Amino acid sequence: MRLFTYLFCLILLGSACKKVDPLGYRMYTIKEGNHRSTYQYTTNFDTLVRFKAIFDSSAIYNTTDPSNQYDVNKLYGVSDCGCSHMKYSIRFGWRWLNDSLEILLFKHQGGVFSFEKITSITLNDVHQYEIIKTDNEYVLYVDNVYLTTPRSCPGLYRSYFLYPYFGGDETAPHNITIQIKKQNQ
């Protein structure tokens, strides 16, 4: 039976069938030389995205071009306004900068992206994340620190989830693993 389950996942679901550990965390790996951790496509109409995440020491990196160290990698979030995520989306970003793992707000609004630091976090610890969509703004929480930013499309729209992604224009310099546990919305 175990072999059948494995083959089913491998053949029919491909990369979407990732192992969930006993605590409910799913491991996302951005492989060396790549940008994406997965090609999953999951939609929802939620106004709340809540999850826990753990970064390990694989989040420590140096870019080939030192100016790219300021680029924002993506952790997790959703598209918005019924559009492509490159037009409207909200998610958490992250980067290793000045010997610190920074967590940022990362937003596309009308095709223009912006970002702002929320806080710095510790490696190998569980941190709580929340995105709340209201008619007029997004509220992003990391543990007990939050940041708000305007939302330009009031109402409820179908969104799709956005998974861990490395870069800007450089790919992951080595395998990077992030554990994420989605929580009841």
N, C-alpha and C. Protein backbone atom coordinates (compact mmCIF):
# COMPACT_ATOMS: atom_id res chain seq x y z
N MET A 1 0.83 -1.20 0.00
CA MET A 1 0.00 0.00 0.00
C MET A 1 0.87 1.26 0.00
N ARG A 2 1.95 1.24 0.77
CA ARG A 2 2.85 2.39 0.83
C ARG A 2 3.46 2.66 -0.54
N LEU A 3 3.84 1.60 -1.25
CA LEU A 3 4.41 1.75 -2.59
C LEU A 3 3.39 2.37 -3.54
N PHE A 4 2.15 1.94 -3.45
CA PHE A 4 1.10 2.50 -4.28
C PHE A 4 0.93 4.00 -4.01
N THR A 5 0.90 4.39 -2.76
CA THR A 5 0.76 5.81 -2.40
C THR A 5 1.93 6.62 -2.95
N TYR A 6 3.13 6.08 -2.82
CA TYR A 6 4.30 6.78 -3.33
C TYR A 6 4.22 6.95 -4.84
N LEU A 7 3.88 5.88 -5.54
CA LEU A 7 3.78 5.95 -7.00
C LEU A 7 2.68 6.91 -7.44
N PHE A 8 1.56 6.90 -6.73
CA PHE A 8 0.46 7.82 -7.05
C PHE A 8 0.93 9.26 -6.95
N CYS A 9 1.61 9.59 -5.85
CA CYS A 9 2.13 10.94 -5.67
C CYS A 9 3.14 11.29 -6.75
N LEU A 10 4.03 10.38 -7.02
CA LEU A 10 5.09 10.63 -7.99
C LEU A 10 4.52 10.84 -9.39
N ILE A 11 3.63 10.00 -9.81
CA ILE A 11 3.12 10.06 -11.18
C ILE A 11 2.05 11.13 -11.35
N LEU A 12 1.05 11.16 -10.51
CA LEU A 12 -0.09 12.04 -10.72
C LEU A 12 0.08 13.44 -10.15
N LEU A 13 0.75 13.57 -9.07
CA LEU A 13 0.81 14.86 -8.42
C LEU A 13 2.16 15.55 -8.53
N GLY A 14 3.17 14.83 -8.91
CA GLY A 14 4.49 15.44 -9.10
C GLY A 14 4.95 16.19 -7.88
N SER A 15 5.41 17.43 -8.08
CA SER A 15 5.99 18.20 -6.99
C SER A 15 4.97 18.66 -5.96
N ALA A 16 3.67 18.56 -6.26
CA ALA A 16 2.65 19.00 -5.31
C ALA A 16 2.53 18.03 -4.13
N CYS A 17 3.03 16.82 -4.26
CA CYS A 17 2.92 15.83 -3.20
C CYS A 17 4.19 15.84 -2.36
N LYS A 18 4.30 16.79 -1.48
CA LYS A 18 5.47 16.91 -0.62
C LYS A 18 5.11 16.35 0.74
N LYS A 19 6.08 15.82 1.39
CA LYS A 19 5.86 15.20 2.68
C LYS A 19 5.56 16.24 3.76
N VAL A 20 4.59 15.93 4.59
CA VAL A 20 4.26 16.76 5.74
C VAL A 20 4.75 16.03 6.98
N ASP A 21 5.51 16.72 7.81
CA ASP A 21 6.07 16.05 9.00
C ASP A 21 4.99 15.87 10.06
N PRO A 22 5.28 15.14 11.15
CA PRO A 22 4.28 14.87 12.18
C PRO A 22 3.70 16.14 12.84
N LEU A 23 4.42 17.26 12.78
CA LEU A 23 3.91 18.50 13.36
C LEU A 23 3.11 19.32 12.36
N GLY A 24 2.97 18.83 11.13
CA GLY A 24 2.16 19.51 10.13
C GLY A 24 2.93 20.46 9.23
N TYR A 25 4.25 20.46 9.30
CA TYR A 25 5.06 21.34 8.46
C TYR A 25 5.36 20.67 7.12
N ARG A 26 5.25 21.43 6.07
CA ARG A 26 5.62 20.99 4.73
C ARG A 26 6.96 21.62 4.39
N MET A 27 7.88 20.83 3.88
CA MET A 27 9.22 21.32 3.54
C MET A 27 9.22 21.81 2.09
N TYR A 28 9.62 23.05 1.90
CA TYR A 28 9.80 23.61 0.56
C TYR A 28 11.30 23.79 0.34
N THR A 29 11.79 23.28 -0.77
CA THR A 29 13.20 23.39 -1.11
C THR A 29 13.35 24.15 -2.41
N ILE A 30 14.12 25.22 -2.37
CA ILE A 30 14.51 25.94 -3.58
C ILE A 30 15.89 25.38 -3.92
N LYS A 31 15.96 24.62 -4.97
CA LYS A 31 17.22 23.95 -5.31
C LYS A 31 18.23 24.92 -5.90
N GLU A 32 19.49 24.63 -5.65
CA GLU A 32 20.59 25.43 -6.20
C GLU A 32 20.39 25.65 -7.70
N GLY A 33 20.53 26.89 -8.13
CA GLY A 33 20.39 27.23 -9.55
C GLY A 33 18.96 27.47 -10.00
N ASN A 34 18.00 27.39 -9.08
CA ASN A 34 16.58 27.60 -9.42
C ASN A 34 16.01 28.80 -8.67
N HIS A 35 14.83 29.20 -9.08
CA HIS A 35 14.07 30.25 -8.40
C HIS A 35 12.95 29.63 -7.55
N ARG A 36 12.21 28.70 -8.12
CA ARG A 36 10.98 28.18 -7.51
C ARG A 36 11.21 26.98 -6.60
N SER A 37 10.31 26.88 -5.61
CA SER A 37 10.30 25.71 -4.75
C SER A 37 9.25 24.70 -5.22
N THR A 38 8.23 25.15 -5.94
CA THR A 38 7.14 24.27 -6.38
C THR A 38 6.36 24.96 -7.48
N TYR A 39 5.55 24.18 -8.17
CA TYR A 39 4.63 24.70 -9.19
C TYR A 39 3.19 24.44 -8.78
N GLN A 40 2.92 24.34 -7.51
CA GLN A 40 1.56 24.09 -7.03
C GLN A 40 0.64 25.23 -7.44
N TYR A 41 -0.65 24.91 -7.59
CA TYR A 41 -1.65 25.94 -7.87
C TYR A 41 -2.88 25.65 -7.03
N THR A 42 -3.09 26.47 -6.02
CA THR A 42 -4.21 26.32 -5.10
C THR A 42 -4.89 27.67 -4.96
N THR A 43 -6.23 27.68 -5.06
CA THR A 43 -6.97 28.95 -4.97
C THR A 43 -7.85 28.99 -3.73
N ASN A 44 -8.29 30.21 -3.40
CA ASN A 44 -9.19 30.42 -2.27
C ASN A 44 -9.85 31.79 -2.38
N PHE A 45 -10.80 32.03 -1.50
CA PHE A 45 -11.45 33.34 -1.38
C PHE A 45 -11.20 33.94 0.00
N ASP A 46 -10.18 33.47 0.69
CA ASP A 46 -9.93 33.87 2.08
C ASP A 46 -9.47 35.32 2.20
N THR A 47 -9.86 35.94 3.30
CA THR A 47 -9.36 37.28 3.63
C THR A 47 -8.27 37.19 4.69
N LEU A 48 -7.95 35.97 5.12
CA LEU A 48 -6.93 35.75 6.13
C LEU A 48 -6.03 34.59 5.68
N VAL A 49 -4.74 34.83 5.69
CA VAL A 49 -3.75 33.79 5.43
C VAL A 49 -2.89 33.71 6.69
N ARG A 50 -2.90 32.54 7.33
CA ARG A 50 -2.17 32.38 8.59
C ARG A 50 -1.30 31.13 8.48
N PHE A 51 -0.03 31.28 8.85
CA PHE A 51 0.88 30.15 8.80
C PHE A 51 2.04 30.36 9.75
N LYS A 52 2.74 29.27 10.02
CA LYS A 52 3.99 29.31 10.77
C LYS A 52 5.09 28.90 9.81
N ALA A 53 6.30 29.44 10.03
CA ALA A 53 7.42 29.08 9.17
C ALA A 53 8.71 29.00 9.98
N ILE A 54 9.60 28.14 9.51
CA ILE A 54 10.91 27.97 10.13
C ILE A 54 11.96 28.06 9.02
N PHE A 55 12.90 28.98 9.19
CA PHE A 55 14.06 29.07 8.32
C PHE A 55 15.23 28.44 9.05
N ASP A 56 16.02 27.65 8.34
CA ASP A 56 17.24 27.11 8.95
C ASP A 56 18.45 27.86 8.38
N SER A 57 19.63 27.36 8.64
CA SER A 57 20.85 28.06 8.22
C SER A 57 21.02 28.10 6.70
N SER A 58 20.22 27.34 5.97
CA SER A 58 20.29 27.42 4.51
C SER A 58 19.81 28.78 3.99
N ALA A 59 19.16 29.57 4.85
CA ALA A 59 18.71 30.91 4.46
C ALA A 59 19.86 31.92 4.44
N ILE A 60 21.02 31.50 4.89
CA ILE A 60 22.21 32.37 4.85
C ILE A 60 22.85 32.20 3.47
N TYR A 61 23.00 33.30 2.75
CA TYR A 61 23.57 33.23 1.41
C TYR A 61 24.29 34.52 1.07
N ASN A 62 25.12 34.46 0.05
CA ASN A 62 25.75 35.63 -0.55
C ASN A 62 25.49 35.58 -2.04
N THR A 63 25.07 36.68 -2.61
CA THR A 63 24.82 36.74 -4.04
C THR A 63 26.12 36.96 -4.79
N THR A 64 26.13 36.59 -6.07
CA THR A 64 27.30 36.80 -6.91
C THR A 64 27.58 38.28 -7.07
N ASP A 65 26.54 39.03 -7.38
CA ASP A 65 26.62 40.49 -7.48
C ASP A 65 26.22 41.06 -6.12
N PRO A 66 27.12 41.70 -5.39
CA PRO A 66 26.80 42.19 -4.04
C PRO A 66 25.56 43.09 -3.98
N SER A 67 25.25 43.81 -5.04
CA SER A 67 24.05 44.66 -5.00
C SER A 67 22.77 43.83 -4.97
N ASN A 68 22.83 42.57 -5.44
CA ASN A 68 21.66 41.70 -5.41
C ASN A 68 21.33 41.18 -4.02
N GLN A 69 22.23 41.39 -3.07
CA GLN A 69 21.95 40.98 -1.69
C GLN A 69 20.73 41.73 -1.16
N TYR A 70 20.43 42.87 -1.73
CA TYR A 70 19.27 43.68 -1.31
C TYR A 70 17.97 43.22 -1.96
N ASP A 71 18.05 42.31 -2.94
CA ASP A 71 16.84 41.79 -3.57
C ASP A 71 15.99 41.07 -2.53
N VAL A 72 14.70 41.01 -2.78
CA VAL A 72 13.77 40.38 -1.85
C VAL A 72 13.33 39.04 -2.41
N ASN A 73 13.58 37.98 -1.65
CA ASN A 73 13.06 36.65 -1.98
C ASN A 73 11.64 36.58 -1.45
N LYS A 74 10.88 35.61 -1.90
CA LYS A 74 9.48 35.53 -1.49
C LYS A 74 9.27 34.31 -0.60
N LEU A 75 8.50 34.51 0.47
CA LEU A 75 8.19 33.43 1.40
C LEU A 75 6.84 32.80 1.05
N TYR A 76 5.75 33.55 1.20
CA TYR A 76 4.41 32.98 1.03
C TYR A 76 3.43 34.13 0.95
N GLY A 77 2.38 33.97 0.19
CA GLY A 77 1.35 34.99 0.09
C GLY A 77 0.31 34.60 -0.94
N VAL A 78 -0.42 35.61 -1.44
CA VAL A 78 -1.51 35.36 -2.38
C VAL A 78 -1.60 36.44 -3.45
N SER A 79 -2.13 36.04 -4.60
CA SER A 79 -2.49 37.02 -5.62
C SER A 79 -3.73 37.75 -5.11
N ASP A 80 -4.14 38.82 -5.81
CA ASP A 80 -5.32 39.57 -5.37
C ASP A 80 -6.01 40.23 -6.56
N CYS A 81 -7.19 40.75 -6.30
CA CYS A 81 -7.98 41.53 -7.25
C CYS A 81 -8.39 40.71 -8.48
N GLY A 82 -8.35 39.38 -8.39
CA GLY A 82 -8.71 38.54 -9.51
C GLY A 82 -7.72 38.60 -10.66
N CYS A 83 -6.50 39.02 -10.38
CA CYS A 83 -5.49 39.23 -11.42
C CYS A 83 -4.26 38.36 -11.18
N SER A 84 -3.35 38.42 -12.13
CA SER A 84 -2.05 37.79 -11.99
C SER A 84 -1.30 38.38 -10.80
N HIS A 85 -0.48 37.57 -10.15
CA HIS A 85 0.29 38.06 -9.00
C HIS A 85 1.29 39.14 -9.41
N MET A 86 1.66 39.20 -10.67
CA MET A 86 2.58 40.25 -11.12
C MET A 86 1.85 41.60 -11.24
N LYS A 87 0.52 41.56 -11.23
CA LYS A 87 -0.26 42.80 -11.26
C LYS A 87 -0.72 43.19 -9.86
N TYR A 88 -1.31 42.23 -9.12
CA TYR A 88 -1.76 42.49 -7.75
C TYR A 88 -1.47 41.28 -6.88
N SER A 89 -0.70 41.48 -5.82
CA SER A 89 -0.44 40.41 -4.86
C SER A 89 0.12 41.00 -3.57
N ILE A 90 0.03 40.19 -2.54
CA ILE A 90 0.61 40.56 -1.25
C ILE A 90 1.26 39.30 -0.67
N ARG A 91 2.47 39.45 -0.19
CA ARG A 91 3.16 38.31 0.42
C ARG A 91 4.29 38.79 1.31
N PHE A 92 4.81 37.84 2.04
CA PHE A 92 5.99 38.11 2.84
C PHE A 92 7.22 37.86 1.98
N GLY A 93 8.19 38.75 2.11
CA GLY A 93 9.49 38.56 1.47
C GLY A 93 10.53 38.31 2.55
N TRP A 94 11.70 37.90 2.14
CA TRP A 94 12.80 37.68 3.08
C TRP A 94 14.12 37.87 2.35
N ARG A 95 15.13 38.18 3.12
CA ARG A 95 16.48 38.28 2.58
C ARG A 95 17.49 38.19 3.72
N TRP A 96 18.69 37.70 3.38
CA TRP A 96 19.79 37.66 4.33
C TRP A 96 20.62 38.91 4.08
N LEU A 97 20.61 39.83 5.04
CA LEU A 97 21.29 41.11 4.86
C LEU A 97 21.92 41.54 6.18
N ASN A 98 23.19 41.92 6.14
CA ASN A 98 23.90 42.38 7.34
C ASN A 98 23.82 41.37 8.48
N ASP A 99 24.07 40.09 8.15
CA ASP A 99 24.05 39.00 9.14
C ASP A 99 22.72 38.87 9.87
N SER A 100 21.63 39.13 9.14
CA SER A 100 20.31 39.08 9.74
C SER A 100 19.29 38.60 8.71
N LEU A 101 18.31 37.80 9.16
CA LEU A 101 17.23 37.37 8.28
C LEU A 101 16.08 38.37 8.43
N GLU A 102 15.92 39.18 7.40
CA GLU A 102 14.86 40.19 7.40
C GLU A 102 13.59 39.63 6.78
N ILE A 103 12.46 39.98 7.37
CA ILE A 103 11.15 39.64 6.81
C ILE A 103 10.53 40.96 6.35
N LEU A 104 10.01 40.95 5.13
CA LEU A 104 9.50 42.18 4.52
C LEU A 104 8.09 41.98 3.98
N LEU A 105 7.38 43.07 3.84
CA LEU A 105 6.15 43.11 3.07
C LEU A 105 6.60 43.20 1.62
N PHE A 106 5.98 42.42 0.73
CA PHE A 106 6.28 42.48 -0.70
C PHE A 106 4.95 42.54 -1.44
N LYS A 107 4.74 43.61 -2.19
CA LYS A 107 3.43 43.85 -2.80
C LYS A 107 3.58 44.24 -4.27
N HIS A 108 2.68 43.71 -5.10
CA HIS A 108 2.50 44.21 -6.47
C HIS A 108 1.16 44.95 -6.49
N GLN A 109 1.17 46.15 -6.96
CA GLN A 109 -0.06 46.94 -7.07
C GLN A 109 -0.05 47.63 -8.43
N GLY A 110 -0.98 47.24 -9.28
CA GLY A 110 -1.03 47.81 -10.62
C GLY A 110 0.21 47.50 -11.43
N GLY A 111 0.86 46.36 -11.12
CA GLY A 111 2.05 45.94 -11.85
C GLY A 111 3.35 46.52 -11.32
N VAL A 112 3.27 47.34 -10.28
CA VAL A 112 4.47 47.95 -9.69
C VAL A 112 4.71 47.30 -8.33
N PHE A 113 5.95 46.83 -8.10
CA PHE A 113 6.20 46.18 -6.82
C PHE A 113 6.84 47.16 -5.83
N SER A 114 6.55 46.90 -4.56
CA SER A 114 7.14 47.67 -3.47
C SER A 114 7.41 46.70 -2.32
N PHE A 115 8.30 47.10 -1.45
CA PHE A 115 8.60 46.26 -0.29
C PHE A 115 9.03 47.16 0.86
N GLU A 116 8.87 46.62 2.08
CA GLU A 116 9.24 47.35 3.28
C GLU A 116 9.55 46.34 4.37
N LYS A 117 10.61 46.58 5.11
CA LYS A 117 11.00 45.67 6.19
C LYS A 117 9.96 45.72 7.31
N ILE A 118 9.60 44.53 7.78
CA ILE A 118 8.70 44.41 8.94
C ILE A 118 9.54 44.18 10.19
N THR A 119 10.42 43.17 10.14
CA THR A 119 11.23 42.82 11.31
C THR A 119 12.36 41.88 10.88
N SER A 120 13.23 41.57 11.81
CA SER A 120 14.22 40.51 11.61
C SER A 120 13.85 39.36 12.53
N ILE A 121 14.15 38.14 12.09
CA ILE A 121 13.80 36.96 12.88
C ILE A 121 15.03 36.09 13.12
N THR A 122 14.88 35.12 14.00
CA THR A 122 15.96 34.19 14.32
C THR A 122 15.81 32.92 13.49
N LEU A 123 16.93 32.32 13.15
CA LEU A 123 16.94 31.05 12.43
C LEU A 123 16.54 29.92 13.38
N ASN A 124 15.99 28.87 12.81
CA ASN A 124 15.64 27.63 13.52
C ASN A 124 14.55 27.79 14.57
N ASP A 125 13.84 28.89 14.56
CA ASP A 125 12.73 29.11 15.48
C ASP A 125 11.43 29.22 14.69
N VAL A 126 10.33 28.85 15.33
CA VAL A 126 9.01 28.99 14.72
C VAL A 126 8.56 30.44 14.84
N HIS A 127 8.11 31.00 13.72
CA HIS A 127 7.57 32.36 13.72
C HIS A 127 6.18 32.32 13.09
N GLN A 128 5.28 33.13 13.64
CA GLN A 128 3.88 33.18 13.21
C GLN A 128 3.70 34.32 12.21
N TYR A 129 2.99 34.05 11.10
CA TYR A 129 2.74 35.04 10.04
C TYR A 129 1.25 35.12 9.76
N GLU A 130 0.79 36.33 9.46
CA GLU A 130 -0.61 36.54 9.09
C GLU A 130 -0.71 37.63 8.06
N ILE A 131 -1.56 37.41 7.07
CA ILE A 131 -1.95 38.46 6.12
C ILE A 131 -3.45 38.61 6.26
N ILE A 132 -3.89 39.82 6.54
CA ILE A 132 -5.32 40.12 6.62
C ILE A 132 -5.64 41.08 5.49
N LYS A 133 -6.64 40.72 4.66
CA LYS A 133 -7.09 41.59 3.58
C LYS A 133 -8.40 42.25 4.00
N THR A 134 -8.42 43.58 4.10
CA THR A 134 -9.66 44.31 4.31
C THR A 134 -9.98 45.02 2.99
N ASP A 135 -11.08 45.75 2.95
CA ASP A 135 -11.42 46.47 1.72
C ASP A 135 -10.36 47.51 1.35
N ASN A 136 -9.74 48.12 2.36
CA ASN A 136 -8.85 49.25 2.10
C ASN A 136 -7.37 49.00 2.35
N GLU A 137 -7.04 47.90 3.03
CA GLU A 137 -5.62 47.70 3.35
C GLU A 137 -5.30 46.23 3.57
N TYR A 138 -4.01 45.96 3.57
CA TYR A 138 -3.47 44.68 4.00
C TYR A 138 -2.80 44.93 5.35
N VAL A 139 -2.94 43.97 6.25
CA VAL A 139 -2.22 44.01 7.52
C VAL A 139 -1.38 42.74 7.57
N LEU A 140 -0.08 42.91 7.72
CA LEU A 140 0.84 41.78 7.77
C LEU A 140 1.47 41.71 9.15
N TYR A 141 1.32 40.55 9.79
CA TYR A 141 1.89 40.31 11.11
C TYR A 141 3.02 39.30 11.01
N VAL A 142 4.09 39.56 11.73
CA VAL A 142 5.14 38.58 11.99
C VAL A 142 5.28 38.57 13.50
N ASP A 143 4.88 37.44 14.09
CA ASP A 143 4.80 37.35 15.54
C ASP A 143 3.92 38.50 16.03
N ASN A 144 4.40 39.41 16.83
CA ASN A 144 3.57 40.51 17.32
C ASN A 144 3.89 41.85 16.66
N VAL A 145 4.65 41.83 15.59
CA VAL A 145 5.00 43.05 14.85
C VAL A 145 4.14 43.10 13.60
N TYR A 146 3.58 44.27 13.30
CA TYR A 146 2.75 44.34 12.11
C TYR A 146 3.03 45.59 11.30
N LEU A 147 2.58 45.53 10.05
CA LEU A 147 2.73 46.63 9.11
C LEU A 147 1.48 46.66 8.25
N THR A 148 0.99 47.84 7.94
CA THR A 148 -0.17 47.97 7.05
C THR A 148 0.26 48.67 5.77
N THR A 149 -0.48 48.35 4.70
CA THR A 149 -0.25 49.00 3.42
C THR A 149 -1.59 49.05 2.67
N PRO A 150 -1.81 50.08 1.87
CA PRO A 150 -3.09 50.21 1.17
C PRO A 150 -3.37 49.04 0.21
N ARG A 151 -4.65 48.73 0.08
CA ARG A 151 -5.14 47.74 -0.88
C ARG A 151 -6.04 48.48 -1.85
N SER A 152 -5.87 48.27 -3.13
CA SER A 152 -6.58 49.09 -4.12
C SER A 152 -7.79 48.42 -4.76
N CYS A 153 -8.17 47.24 -4.29
CA CYS A 153 -9.35 46.58 -4.89
C CYS A 153 -10.26 46.06 -3.79
N PRO A 154 -11.16 46.90 -3.29
CA PRO A 154 -12.07 46.43 -2.25
C PRO A 154 -12.92 45.27 -2.75
N GLY A 155 -13.24 44.37 -1.86
CA GLY A 155 -14.09 43.24 -2.23
C GLY A 155 -13.37 41.92 -2.09
N LEU A 156 -14.11 40.87 -2.42
CA LEU A 156 -13.63 39.50 -2.30
C LEU A 156 -13.33 38.95 -3.69
N TYR A 157 -12.13 38.46 -3.88
CA TYR A 157 -11.70 37.92 -5.17
C TYR A 157 -11.05 36.56 -4.96
N ARG A 158 -11.13 35.73 -5.99
CA ARG A 158 -10.40 34.47 -5.95
C ARG A 158 -8.91 34.79 -6.01
N SER A 159 -8.15 34.17 -5.11
CA SER A 159 -6.71 34.34 -5.06
C SER A 159 -6.04 32.99 -5.24
N TYR A 160 -4.79 33.01 -5.65
CA TYR A 160 -4.01 31.78 -5.64
C TYR A 160 -2.78 31.99 -4.77
N PHE A 161 -2.34 30.90 -4.14
CA PHE A 161 -1.21 30.97 -3.23
C PHE A 161 0.10 31.13 -4.00
N LEU A 162 1.03 31.84 -3.37
CA LEU A 162 2.36 32.08 -3.92
C LEU A 162 3.36 31.46 -2.95
N TYR A 163 4.18 30.57 -3.44
CA TYR A 163 5.06 29.75 -2.61
C TYR A 163 6.50 30.29 -2.61
N PRO A 164 7.37 29.72 -1.76
CA PRO A 164 8.74 30.21 -1.67
C PRO A 164 9.45 30.30 -3.03
N TYR A 165 10.16 31.42 -3.19
CA TYR A 165 10.81 31.76 -4.46
C TYR A 165 12.08 32.54 -4.13
N PHE A 166 13.17 32.24 -4.83
CA PHE A 166 14.42 32.95 -4.61
C PHE A 166 14.67 33.94 -5.74
N GLY A 167 15.04 35.16 -5.37
CA GLY A 167 15.48 36.14 -6.37
C GLY A 167 14.43 37.20 -6.60
N GLY A 168 14.97 38.04 -7.22
CA GLY A 168 15.46 38.82 -8.27
C GLY A 168 15.99 38.05 -9.48
N ASP A 169 17.08 38.57 -9.93
CA ASP A 169 17.64 38.04 -11.17
C ASP A 169 18.63 36.91 -10.92
N GLU A 170 19.07 36.69 -9.71
CA GLU A 170 19.95 35.55 -9.43
C GLU A 170 19.13 34.38 -8.90
N THR A 171 19.63 33.19 -9.17
CA THR A 171 19.00 31.98 -8.66
C THR A 171 19.62 31.61 -7.31
N ALA A 172 19.03 30.63 -6.67
CA ALA A 172 19.54 30.19 -5.36
C ALA A 172 20.98 29.71 -5.47
N PRO A 173 21.88 30.21 -4.63
CA PRO A 173 23.29 29.80 -4.71
C PRO A 173 23.54 28.40 -4.14
N HIS A 174 22.60 27.87 -3.40
CA HIS A 174 22.65 26.52 -2.84
C HIS A 174 21.22 26.13 -2.48
N ASN A 175 20.97 24.89 -2.10
CA ASN A 175 19.63 24.48 -1.71
C ASN A 175 19.20 25.27 -0.48
N ILE A 176 17.99 25.80 -0.53
CA ILE A 176 17.42 26.56 0.58
C ILE A 176 16.13 25.87 0.99
N THR A 177 16.01 25.55 2.28
CA THR A 177 14.82 24.86 2.77
C THR A 177 14.06 25.74 3.76
N ILE A 178 12.74 25.74 3.59
CA ILE A 178 11.85 26.50 4.47
C ILE A 178 10.70 25.58 4.83
N GLN A 179 10.39 25.50 6.11
CA GLN A 179 9.25 24.70 6.58
C GLN A 179 8.07 25.64 6.80
N ILE A 180 6.91 25.26 6.26
CA ILE A 180 5.70 26.07 6.40
C ILE A 180 4.55 25.18 6.86
N LYS A 181 3.80 25.69 7.83
CA LYS A 181 2.62 25.01 8.33
C LYS A 181 1.44 25.95 8.19
N LYS A 182 0.55 25.66 7.23
CA LYS A 182 -0.66 26.45 7.09
C LYS A 182 -1.55 26.19 8.28
N GLN A 183 -2.24 27.23 8.74
CA GLN A 183 -3.11 27.08 9.89
C GLN A 183 -4.55 27.33 9.48
N ASN A 184 -5.47 26.85 10.30
CA ASN A 184 -6.88 27.08 10.02
C ASN A 184 -7.14 28.58 9.89
N GLN A 185 -7.83 28.93 8.85
CA GLN A 185 -8.08 30.34 8.57
C GLN A 185 -9.19 30.87 9.42
